Amino acid sequence: MKTIMNAEDLTTIETKAIPDEDVDWAKQMADNYKRFRKNRQALRALERKINLTLDELEARVVAKTTRKRGYEI
């Protein structure tokens, strides 16, 4: 952890180390979080694809329905 008092005073720096018994746990938690963020990003991409596909399907169904019944929008 770094503590900087102001932009001109860069002399106050504090660091805090992770205890040796928690290093493996901290690495695992960091890896879990990275995997979570990557998977969440992939889910957002899939959601966009699904929504685009549903929009296209809706447009085709509406177009087909309006043509068969003579309704023009």
N, C-alpha and C. Protein backbone atom coordinates (compact mmCIF):
# COMPACT_ATOMS: atom_id res chain seq x y z
N MET A 1 0.85 -1.17 0.00
CA MET A 1 0.00 0.00 0.00
C MET A 1 0.89 1.22 0.00
N LYS A 2 0.64 2.14 -0.89
CA LYS A 2 1.41 3.38 -0.96
C LYS A 2 0.53 4.53 -0.51
N THR A 3 1.09 5.36 0.33
CA THR A 3 0.37 6.54 0.77
C THR A 3 1.16 7.76 0.34
N ILE A 4 0.59 8.58 -0.49
CA ILE A 4 1.26 9.80 -0.96
C ILE A 4 0.46 10.97 -0.43
N MET A 5 1.15 11.85 0.30
CA MET A 5 0.47 12.97 0.94
C MET A 5 -0.05 13.97 -0.09
N ASN A 6 0.78 14.35 -1.05
CA ASN A 6 0.35 15.23 -2.13
C ASN A 6 1.26 14.98 -3.33
N ALA A 7 0.99 15.63 -4.42
CA ALA A 7 1.73 15.37 -5.65
C ALA A 7 3.20 15.76 -5.53
N GLU A 8 3.52 16.76 -4.73
CA GLU A 8 4.91 17.21 -4.61
C GLU A 8 5.69 16.37 -3.60
N ASP A 9 5.02 15.79 -2.62
CA ASP A 9 5.69 15.06 -1.56
C ASP A 9 5.58 13.56 -1.82
N LEU A 10 6.61 12.99 -2.42
CA LEU A 10 6.61 11.57 -2.73
C LEU A 10 7.46 10.79 -1.74
N THR A 11 7.68 11.34 -0.56
CA THR A 11 8.57 10.69 0.40
C THR A 11 7.84 9.75 1.34
N THR A 12 6.55 9.86 1.50
CA THR A 12 5.81 9.02 2.44
C THR A 12 5.24 7.82 1.70
N ILE A 13 5.92 6.70 1.79
CA ILE A 13 5.47 5.48 1.14
C ILE A 13 5.44 4.36 2.18
N GLU A 14 4.31 3.71 2.30
CA GLU A 14 4.17 2.58 3.22
C GLU A 14 3.86 1.34 2.39
N THR A 15 4.45 0.24 2.76
CA THR A 15 4.13 -1.02 2.09
C THR A 15 3.67 -2.02 3.14
N LYS A 16 2.82 -2.92 2.73
CA LYS A 16 2.33 -3.94 3.64
C LYS A 16 2.43 -5.28 2.92
N ALA A 17 3.16 -6.19 3.49
CA ALA A 17 3.37 -7.49 2.86
C ALA A 17 2.29 -8.46 3.31
N ILE A 18 2.01 -9.41 2.46
CA ILE A 18 1.07 -10.48 2.80
C ILE A 18 1.84 -11.49 3.66
N PRO A 19 1.26 -11.93 4.76
CA PRO A 19 1.95 -12.94 5.59
C PRO A 19 2.22 -14.20 4.77
N ASP A 20 3.33 -14.85 5.08
CA ASP A 20 3.74 -16.04 4.32
C ASP A 20 2.65 -17.10 4.26
N GLU A 21 1.90 -17.28 5.34
CA GLU A 21 0.88 -18.33 5.35
C GLU A 21 -0.32 -17.98 4.46
N ASP A 22 -0.43 -16.73 4.03
CA ASP A 22 -1.56 -16.31 3.19
C ASP A 22 -1.19 -16.11 1.72
N VAL A 23 0.07 -16.33 1.36
CA VAL A 23 0.51 -16.07 -0.01
C VAL A 23 -0.23 -16.98 -1.00
N ASP A 24 -0.29 -18.28 -0.71
CA ASP A 24 -0.98 -19.20 -1.63
C ASP A 24 -2.46 -18.85 -1.74
N TRP A 25 -3.08 -18.53 -0.62
CA TRP A 25 -4.49 -18.13 -0.61
C TRP A 25 -4.71 -16.87 -1.45
N ALA A 26 -3.84 -15.88 -1.27
CA ALA A 26 -3.97 -14.62 -2.02
C ALA A 26 -3.81 -14.85 -3.52
N LYS A 27 -2.87 -15.71 -3.89
CA LYS A 27 -2.69 -16.03 -5.32
C LYS A 27 -3.93 -16.71 -5.87
N GLN A 28 -4.48 -17.65 -5.10
CA GLN A 28 -5.69 -18.36 -5.54
C GLN A 28 -6.86 -17.39 -5.70
N MET A 29 -7.02 -16.48 -4.75
CA MET A 29 -8.11 -15.50 -4.83
C MET A 29 -7.93 -14.59 -6.05
N ALA A 30 -6.69 -14.18 -6.31
CA ALA A 30 -6.42 -13.33 -7.47
C ALA A 30 -6.72 -14.08 -8.77
N ASP A 31 -6.31 -15.34 -8.83
CA ASP A 31 -6.59 -16.15 -10.03
C ASP A 31 -8.09 -16.37 -10.20
N ASN A 32 -8.79 -16.62 -9.09
CA ASN A 32 -10.24 -16.79 -9.17
C ASN A 32 -10.91 -15.54 -9.71
N TYR A 33 -10.48 -14.39 -9.22
CA TYR A 33 -11.09 -13.13 -9.65
C TYR A 33 -10.80 -12.86 -11.13
N LYS A 34 -9.59 -13.15 -11.58
CA LYS A 34 -9.25 -12.97 -13.00
C LYS A 34 -10.13 -13.86 -13.87
N ARG A 35 -10.30 -15.12 -13.43
CA ARG A 35 -11.15 -16.05 -14.19
C ARG A 35 -12.60 -15.58 -14.20
N PHE A 36 -13.07 -15.09 -13.06
CA PHE A 36 -14.43 -14.56 -12.97
C PHE A 36 -14.63 -13.41 -13.94
N ARG A 37 -13.71 -12.44 -13.98
CA ARG A 37 -13.84 -11.29 -14.87
C ARG A 37 -13.81 -11.72 -16.34
N LYS A 38 -12.94 -12.67 -16.66
CA LYS A 38 -12.85 -13.17 -18.04
C LYS A 38 -14.15 -13.86 -18.44
N ASN A 39 -14.69 -14.69 -17.55
CA ASN A 39 -15.94 -15.39 -17.85
C ASN A 39 -17.12 -14.43 -17.93
N ARG A 40 -17.12 -13.42 -17.08
CA ARG A 40 -18.20 -12.43 -17.13
C ARG A 40 -18.17 -11.67 -18.46
N GLN A 41 -16.97 -11.36 -18.93
CA GLN A 41 -16.84 -10.68 -20.23
C GLN A 41 -17.36 -11.59 -21.35
N ALA A 42 -17.04 -12.87 -21.27
CA ALA A 42 -17.52 -13.81 -22.28
C ALA A 42 -19.05 -13.92 -22.24
N LEU A 43 -19.62 -13.91 -21.05
CA LEU A 43 -21.08 -13.95 -20.93
C LEU A 43 -21.73 -12.72 -21.53
N ARG A 44 -21.12 -11.55 -21.33
CA ARG A 44 -21.68 -10.33 -21.93
C ARG A 44 -21.64 -10.42 -23.45
N ALA A 45 -20.57 -10.98 -24.01
CA ALA A 45 -20.48 -11.14 -25.46
C ALA A 45 -21.56 -12.09 -25.96
N LEU A 46 -21.77 -13.20 -25.25
CA LEU A 46 -22.83 -14.14 -25.64
C LEU A 46 -24.21 -13.50 -25.54
N GLU A 47 -24.42 -12.72 -24.50
CA GLU A 47 -25.71 -12.05 -24.35
C GLU A 47 -25.98 -11.11 -25.52
N ARG A 48 -24.94 -10.39 -25.96
CA ARG A 48 -25.11 -9.50 -27.12
C ARG A 48 -25.49 -10.30 -28.36
N LYS A 49 -24.82 -11.44 -28.57
CA LYS A 49 -25.13 -12.28 -29.74
C LYS A 49 -26.56 -12.82 -29.66
N ILE A 50 -26.96 -13.27 -28.49
CA ILE A 50 -28.32 -13.79 -28.32
C ILE A 50 -29.34 -12.70 -28.61
N ASN A 51 -29.13 -11.52 -28.07
CA ASN A 51 -30.07 -10.42 -28.29
C ASN A 51 -30.15 -10.03 -29.77
N LEU A 52 -29.01 -9.99 -30.45
CA LEU A 52 -29.03 -9.69 -31.89
C LEU A 52 -29.80 -10.75 -32.66
N THR A 53 -29.58 -12.02 -32.32
CA THR A 53 -30.28 -13.11 -32.99
C THR A 53 -31.79 -13.03 -32.74
N LEU A 54 -32.17 -12.74 -31.51
CA LEU A 54 -33.59 -12.60 -31.20
C LEU A 54 -34.21 -11.41 -31.94
N ASP A 55 -33.47 -10.31 -32.04
CA ASP A 55 -33.97 -9.15 -32.78
C ASP A 55 -34.18 -9.49 -34.25
N GLU A 56 -33.23 -10.24 -34.84
CA GLU A 56 -33.37 -10.64 -36.24
C GLU A 56 -34.56 -11.57 -36.42
N LEU A 57 -34.72 -12.52 -35.52
CA LEU A 57 -35.86 -13.44 -35.59
C LEU A 57 -37.17 -12.68 -35.48
N GLU A 58 -37.24 -11.76 -34.54
CA GLU A 58 -38.46 -10.96 -34.37
C GLU A 58 -38.78 -10.18 -35.64
N ALA A 59 -37.77 -9.58 -36.24
CA ALA A 59 -37.99 -8.80 -37.46
C ALA A 59 -38.51 -9.70 -38.59
N ARG A 60 -37.94 -10.92 -38.71
CA ARG A 60 -38.40 -11.83 -39.76
C ARG A 60 -39.84 -12.29 -39.52
N VAL A 61 -40.16 -12.59 -38.27
CA VAL A 61 -41.52 -13.05 -37.95
C VAL A 61 -42.53 -11.93 -38.22
N VAL A 62 -42.20 -10.73 -37.81
CA VAL A 62 -43.11 -9.59 -38.04
C VAL A 62 -43.26 -9.34 -39.53
N ALA A 63 -42.16 -9.39 -40.28
CA ALA A 63 -42.24 -9.15 -41.72
C ALA A 63 -43.08 -10.22 -42.40
N LYS A 64 -42.88 -11.47 -42.02
CA LYS A 64 -43.63 -12.57 -42.61
C LYS A 64 -45.12 -12.45 -42.27
N THR A 65 -45.43 -12.12 -41.05
CA THR A 65 -46.82 -12.00 -40.61
C THR A 65 -47.53 -10.86 -41.32
N THR A 66 -46.88 -9.72 -41.43
CA THR A 66 -47.52 -8.57 -42.07
C THR A 66 -47.74 -8.81 -43.56
N ARG A 67 -46.83 -9.53 -44.21
CA ARG A 67 -47.01 -9.82 -45.63
C ARG A 67 -48.18 -10.77 -45.87
N LYS A 68 -48.31 -11.79 -45.05
CA LYS A 68 -49.37 -12.79 -45.25
C LYS A 68 -50.76 -12.22 -45.01
N ARG A 69 -50.88 -11.27 -44.13
CA ARG A 69 -52.19 -10.71 -43.80
C ARG A 69 -52.45 -9.39 -44.51
N GLY A 70 -51.49 -8.91 -45.24
CA GLY A 70 -51.70 -7.67 -45.97
C GLY A 70 -51.54 -6.41 -45.14
N TYR A 71 -51.04 -6.57 -43.94
CA TYR A 71 -50.81 -5.39 -43.10
C TYR A 71 -49.43 -4.83 -43.41
N GLU A 72 -49.38 -3.59 -43.68
CA GLU A 72 -48.10 -2.94 -43.94
C GLU A 72 -47.83 -1.95 -42.84
N ILE A 73 -46.68 -2.05 -42.27
CA ILE A 73 -46.30 -1.14 -41.18
C ILE A 73 -45.42 -0.04 -41.72
